[in-house]
Protein backbone atom coordinates (compact mmCIF):
# COMPACT_ATOMS: atom_id res chain seq x y z
CA GLN A 1 35.45 77.11 79.15
CA VAL A 2 37.47 79.62 81.59
CA GLN A 3 40.44 80.86 80.72
CA LEU A 4 43.21 81.62 83.07
CA VAL A 5 45.76 84.31 82.79
CA GLU A 6 48.47 85.08 85.06
CA SER A 7 50.70 87.99 86.00
CA GLY A 8 53.13 89.06 88.42
CA GLY A 9 55.98 87.22 87.94
CA GLY A 10 59.45 88.53 87.73
CA LEU A 11 62.93 88.73 89.07
CA VAL A 12 63.31 89.21 92.66
CA GLN A 13 66.22 88.66 95.12
CA PRO A 14 65.94 86.09 98.04
CA GLY A 15 64.23 87.38 101.04
CA GLY A 16 61.92 89.54 98.52
CA SER A 17 58.15 89.74 98.14
CA LEU A 18 56.37 88.97 94.72
CA ARG A 19 52.46 89.05 94.30
CA LEU A 20 50.83 86.85 91.52
CA SER A 21 47.75 87.34 90.20
CA CYS A 22 45.27 85.30 87.82
CA ALA A 23 42.15 86.60 86.33
CA ALA A 24 39.50 84.18 84.82
CA SER A 25 37.49 85.35 82.09
CA GLY A 26 34.27 83.50 83.82
CA SER A 27 32.56 83.16 86.84
CA ILE A 28 35.17 81.21 89.88
CA SER A 29 32.46 80.83 92.08
CA ASN A 30 31.52 77.52 90.40
CA ILE A 31 34.77 76.28 90.62
CA ASP A 32 35.33 73.92 93.46
CA ARG A 33 39.05 75.00 93.91
CA MET A 34 41.37 77.54 92.64
CA GLY A 35 44.76 77.21 93.19
CA TRP A 36 48.57 77.71 92.30
CA TYR A 37 50.71 75.12 91.31
CA ARG A 38 54.43 75.61 90.18
CA GLN A 39 57.03 73.61 88.28
CA ALA A 40 60.79 74.19 88.75
CA PRO A 41 63.46 73.27 85.92
CA GLY A 42 63.60 69.46 85.71
CA ALA A 43 61.19 69.24 88.49
CA ARG A 44 57.47 67.67 88.64
CA LEU A 45 54.75 69.69 88.43
CA GLU A 46 53.79 70.66 92.37
CA LEU A 47 51.10 72.06 94.77
CA VAL A 48 51.43 75.57 96.33
CA ALA A 49 48.30 76.46 97.45
CA THR A 50 44.40 75.90 96.90
CA ILE A 51 41.43 77.81 97.73
CA THR A 52 37.65 76.97 97.96
CA PRO A 53 34.70 78.93 97.65
CA GLU A 54 33.93 79.23 101.52
CA GLY A 55 37.97 80.28 101.81
CA THR A 56 39.28 77.37 102.97
CA THR A 57 43.31 77.26 102.23
CA VAL A 58 45.66 74.37 101.77
CA TYR A 59 49.59 75.02 101.54
CA SER A 60 52.17 73.10 100.94
CA ASP A 61 54.78 72.44 103.56
CA SER A 62 57.52 74.18 101.74
CA VAL A 63 55.87 77.71 101.35
CA LYS A 64 53.49 77.18 104.83
CA GLY A 65 53.99 80.51 106.94
CA ARG A 66 55.26 82.87 103.71
CA PHE A 67 52.82 82.60 101.16
CA THR A 68 49.24 83.63 100.79
CA ILE A 69 46.43 82.84 98.66
CA SER A 70 43.55 84.81 98.27
CA ARG A 71 40.21 85.40 96.12
CA ASP A 72 37.92 87.83 95.01
CA ASP A 73 34.97 86.16 93.13
CA ALA A 74 33.53 89.91 92.38
CA LYS A 75 36.57 89.89 90.09
CA ASN A 76 37.07 86.87 88.76
CA THR A 77 40.38 86.94 90.34
CA ILE A 78 42.87 85.01 92.69
CA ASN A 79 46.31 86.23 94.01
CA LEU A 80 49.21 84.63 95.97
CA GLN A 81 51.44 87.17 97.86
CA MET A 82 54.54 85.56 98.15
CA ASN A 83 57.07 86.88 100.93
CA SER A 84 60.27 85.54 102.10
CA LEU A 85 61.42 84.20 98.80
CA LYS A 86 64.29 81.60 98.45
CA PRO A 87 65.96 80.63 95.44
CA GLU A 88 64.18 77.34 95.85
CA ASP A 89 61.10 79.05 94.87
CA THR A 90 62.46 79.57 91.22
CA ALA A 91 59.57 78.16 89.03
CA VAL A 92 57.08 78.72 86.51
CA TYR A 93 53.99 79.01 88.62
CA TYR A 94 50.29 78.26 87.06
CA CYS A 95 46.82 79.31 87.95
CA ALA A 96 44.39 76.78 88.16
CA GLY A 97 40.56 76.17 87.88
CA LEU A 98 40.03 72.54 89.78
CA LYS A 99 36.79 70.54 89.21
CA ASN A 100 35.70 67.44 91.22
CA PHE A 101 33.94 66.33 87.85
CA GLY A 102 35.20 67.51 84.36
CA ARG A 103 37.90 69.06 83.02
CA ASP A 104 40.34 71.18 84.77
CA TYR A 105 41.65 75.10 83.94
CA TRP A 106 45.02 76.06 83.67
CA GLY A 107 46.80 79.18 82.74
CA GLN A 108 49.69 79.31 80.66
CA GLY A 109 52.26 80.35 83.58
CA THR A 110 54.27 82.97 85.10
CA LEU A 111 57.89 82.59 85.60
CA VAL A 112 59.28 83.60 89.23
CA THR A 113 62.97 83.66 89.57
CA VAL A 114 64.57 84.14 92.86
CA SER A 115 68.53 84.96 92.31
CA GLU A 116 70.97 87.75 94.00
């Protein structure tokens, strides 16, 4: 069982930047994909970005070119650099460890609010 803990959320003005981090209690190198999801108020959970152990990344169209996902397997962490933030990026952001077989891992979430 791997526990995931997110950090780095907060309040930021439109156009600003934030960096989210996710620390895993165990190795992430054997997890098929690590990723970030988000859920805005009243909305469904949606994919933000994922990254494989080989470094292959996938981004949602809404964040492509603004957000960058990265990983550090030596530290068992993943990060999400968010630039040019928009009010519609406001959401709870969840770190996820996604497995092709078996139970996925999820963090508790961190709130990002983009507002004047």
